[in-house]
Amino acid sequence: MTPRFSFRAVLAGIVVLWASACGFQPLYGVDAGGAHIVGELAGIHIAEVNDRLGLAVRNDLLDLVTPLGEPAEPRYVLRVSLFEERQGIAIERDATITRFTLTLTANYDLEDARTRMRVNSGTARATAAYNVLRAEFANVVAKRDAETRAARVVAEEIKTRLSIHFARTPGAL
């Protein structure tokens, strides 16, 4: 009996070979130093951020960056400042706005906890839209939902950018 080759198996092999040949390397893979990145992220203290939306971003960052809890002796301090902009995008004939776009911009600085020198910085941005209805409570809920979605996207983007930073600079600090 001769062995049969699956078309899918051959195709998967070709894709793996192509991906490795073009320099693709997974960010959290074993060969990519994923343990190093996770360890560096675990050493970050996330500074307090003012207001309710800042608290949402900080809580999301805590879940994403330090899921086992904040470090007792942090190597880094992450400072985040937020800017929120709402823009009406759907306007009725009587000039009533029926849909808003919320843009949340976060500027972040990662500092060495001992020297206070900036290690990395950047900007993360997220956009979320919500409808305006006649019921005021529904409007409050819709706006908060949009803020929650934008906060989560901003936190994920910050975590990804920090992970890339640590992947590019192994043994930083």
Protein backbone atom coordinates (compact mmCIF):
# COMPACT_ATOMS: atom_id res chain seq x y z
CA MET A 1 0.00 0.00 0.00
CA THR A 2 1.49 3.35 -1.02
CA PRO A 3 1.21 6.40 1.24
CA ARG A 4 -1.28 9.01 0.12
CA PHE A 5 -0.50 12.69 0.42
CA SER A 6 -3.18 15.08 1.39
CA PHE A 7 -3.45 18.23 -0.69
CA ARG A 8 -4.08 20.20 2.51
CA ALA A 9 -0.97 18.81 4.18
CA VAL A 10 1.19 19.69 1.18
CA LEU A 11 -0.34 23.17 1.01
CA ALA A 12 0.21 23.70 4.75
CA GLY A 13 3.84 22.66 4.35
CA ILE A 14 4.34 25.09 1.51
CA VAL A 15 2.81 27.93 3.53
CA VAL A 16 5.05 27.15 6.53
CA LEU A 17 8.15 27.07 4.34
CA TRP A 18 7.17 30.30 2.60
CA ALA A 19 6.45 32.07 5.89
CA SER A 20 9.78 31.03 7.38
CA ALA A 21 11.65 32.00 4.20
CA CYS A 22 10.24 35.52 4.15
CA GLY A 23 11.34 36.21 7.73
CA PHE A 24 7.96 35.84 9.40
CA GLN A 25 8.33 35.15 13.10
CA PRO A 26 5.45 34.98 15.56
CA LEU A 27 5.64 37.62 18.28
CA TYR A 28 4.94 35.27 21.17
CA GLY A 29 6.40 32.09 19.68
CA VAL A 30 9.01 30.04 21.48
CA ASP A 31 11.70 30.90 18.94
CA ALA A 32 10.72 34.58 19.04
CA GLY A 33 11.61 34.91 22.72
CA GLY A 34 7.98 35.02 23.80
CA ALA A 35 8.92 34.24 27.40
CA HIS A 36 11.22 37.28 27.39
CA ILE A 37 8.40 39.52 26.15
CA VAL A 38 5.91 38.19 28.70
CA GLY A 39 8.49 38.68 31.45
CA GLU A 40 9.16 42.27 30.41
CA LEU A 41 5.44 43.04 30.25
CA ALA A 42 4.96 41.50 33.70
CA GLY A 43 7.44 44.04 35.09
CA ILE A 44 5.32 47.06 34.15
CA HIS A 45 3.48 49.18 36.70
CA ILE A 46 0.56 50.96 35.03
CA ALA A 47 0.11 54.43 36.51
CA GLU A 48 -3.33 55.73 37.44
CA VAL A 49 -5.28 57.47 34.68
CA ASN A 50 -7.87 60.10 35.56
CA ASP A 51 -11.64 59.81 34.97
CA ARG A 52 -13.91 56.87 34.24
CA LEU A 53 -12.64 56.29 30.70
CA GLY A 54 -9.05 56.32 31.93
CA LEU A 55 -9.96 53.73 34.53
CA ALA A 56 -11.41 51.52 31.77
CA VAL A 57 -8.19 51.77 29.74
CA ARG A 58 -6.05 51.07 32.82
CA ASN A 59 -8.15 48.05 33.81
CA ASP A 60 -7.91 46.65 30.28
CA LEU A 61 -4.14 47.20 30.33
CA LEU A 62 -3.89 45.43 33.69
CA ASP A 63 -5.76 42.44 32.22
CA LEU A 64 -3.63 42.37 29.08
CA VAL A 65 -0.16 43.33 30.32
CA THR A 66 -0.04 41.98 33.87
CA PRO A 67 -2.71 39.28 34.11
CA LEU A 68 -1.04 37.75 37.20
CA GLY A 69 -1.14 41.05 39.08
CA GLU A 70 1.03 44.12 39.28
CA PRO A 71 4.71 43.55 40.06
CA ALA A 72 5.95 44.14 43.61
CA GLU A 73 9.13 45.73 42.24
CA PRO A 74 8.35 47.09 38.77
CA ARG A 75 11.09 47.56 36.19
CA TYR A 76 8.96 49.98 34.17
CA VAL A 77 6.21 52.52 34.68
CA LEU A 78 3.62 53.03 31.96
CA ARG A 79 1.94 56.45 31.89
CA VAL A 80 -1.09 56.99 29.67
CA SER A 81 -2.90 60.23 28.85
CA LEU A 82 -6.22 60.16 27.00
CA PHE A 83 -7.97 62.54 24.65
CA GLU A 84 -11.56 61.95 23.64
CA GLU A 85 -13.28 63.52 20.65
CA ARG A 86 -16.91 63.10 19.62
CA GLN A 87 -18.10 64.06 16.18
CA GLY A 88 -21.64 63.98 14.81
CA ILE A 89 -21.69 62.01 11.57
CA ALA A 90 -25.40 61.58 10.84
CA ILE A 91 -27.51 64.71 10.90
CA GLU A 92 -31.24 64.92 10.27
CA ARG A 93 -32.88 67.75 8.34
CA ASP A 94 -33.76 69.51 11.58
CA ALA A 95 -30.04 69.51 12.56
CA THR A 96 -30.50 66.70 15.07
CA ILE A 97 -27.45 64.45 15.34
CA THR A 98 -28.42 60.77 15.20
CA ARG A 99 -24.98 59.13 15.15
CA PHE A 100 -21.68 60.00 16.76
CA THR A 101 -18.14 58.82 16.22
CA LEU A 102 -15.98 58.65 19.31
CA THR A 103 -12.24 58.85 18.73
CA LEU A 104 -10.07 57.92 21.69
CA THR A 105 -6.39 58.83 21.47
CA ALA A 106 -3.92 57.59 24.05
CA ASN A 107 -0.38 58.90 24.33
CA TYR A 108 1.79 56.58 26.36
CA ASP A 109 5.28 56.67 27.83
CA LEU A 110 7.13 53.66 29.18
CA GLU A 111 9.78 54.72 31.68
CA ASP A 112 12.52 52.90 33.53
CA ALA A 113 11.24 52.70 37.12
CA ARG A 114 14.65 53.53 38.61
CA THR A 115 16.06 56.20 36.31
CA ARG A 116 12.74 57.67 35.04
CA MET A 117 14.24 57.68 31.54
CA ARG A 118 11.83 57.10 28.67
CA VAL A 119 12.22 53.63 27.18
CA ASN A 120 9.38 53.74 24.66
CA SER A 121 6.52 56.04 23.75
CA GLY A 122 3.78 56.26 21.19
CA THR A 123 0.19 56.96 20.36
CA ALA A 124 -2.68 54.52 20.09
CA ARG A 125 -6.03 55.45 18.61
CA ALA A 126 -9.44 53.82 18.38
CA THR A 127 -12.74 54.85 16.87
CA ALA A 128 -16.18 53.64 17.87
CA ALA A 129 -19.58 54.81 16.67
CA TYR A 130 -22.95 54.86 18.37
CA ASN A 131 -26.49 55.91 17.57
CA VAL A 132 -28.47 58.59 19.36
CA LEU A 133 -32.03 57.65 20.19
CA ARG A 134 -34.97 59.44 21.76
CA ALA A 135 -34.54 57.68 25.08
CA GLU A 136 -31.87 59.41 27.18
CA PHE A 137 -30.93 56.25 29.09
CA ALA A 138 -30.34 54.41 25.81
CA ASN A 139 -28.04 57.24 24.72
CA VAL A 140 -26.00 56.99 27.91
CA VAL A 141 -25.67 53.22 27.52
CA ALA A 142 -24.74 53.52 23.83
CA LYS A 143 -22.08 56.15 24.58
CA ARG A 144 -20.58 54.08 27.42
CA ASP A 145 -20.53 51.00 25.22
CA ALA A 146 -18.64 52.92 22.54
CA GLU A 147 -16.19 54.18 25.17
CA THR A 148 -15.68 50.65 26.50
CA ARG A 149 -15.01 49.29 23.01
CA ALA A 150 -12.57 52.12 22.21
CA ALA A 151 -10.79 51.67 25.56
CA ARG A 152 -10.27 47.97 24.88
CA VAL A 153 -8.87 48.60 21.38
CA VAL A 154 -6.50 51.28 22.70
CA ALA A 155 -5.26 48.97 25.48
CA GLU A 156 -4.71 46.12 23.01
CA GLU A 157 -2.77 48.40 20.68
CA ILE A 158 -0.56 49.68 23.50
CA LYS A 159 0.16 46.11 24.62
CA THR A 160 1.02 45.09 21.05
CA ARG A 161 3.34 48.06 20.58
CA LEU A 162 5.10 47.37 23.88
CA SER A 163 5.47 43.71 22.92
CA ILE A 164 7.04 44.69 19.61
CA HIS A 165 9.39 47.05 21.44
CA PHE A 166 10.54 44.27 23.76
CA ALA A 167 10.87 41.83 20.84
CA ARG A 168 13.14 44.27 19.01
CA THR A 169 15.26 45.11 22.03
CA PRO A 170 15.90 41.86 23.90
CA GLY A 171 17.44 42.38 27.30
CA ALA A 172 16.46 46.05 27.39
CA LEU A 173 17.42 47.46 30.75
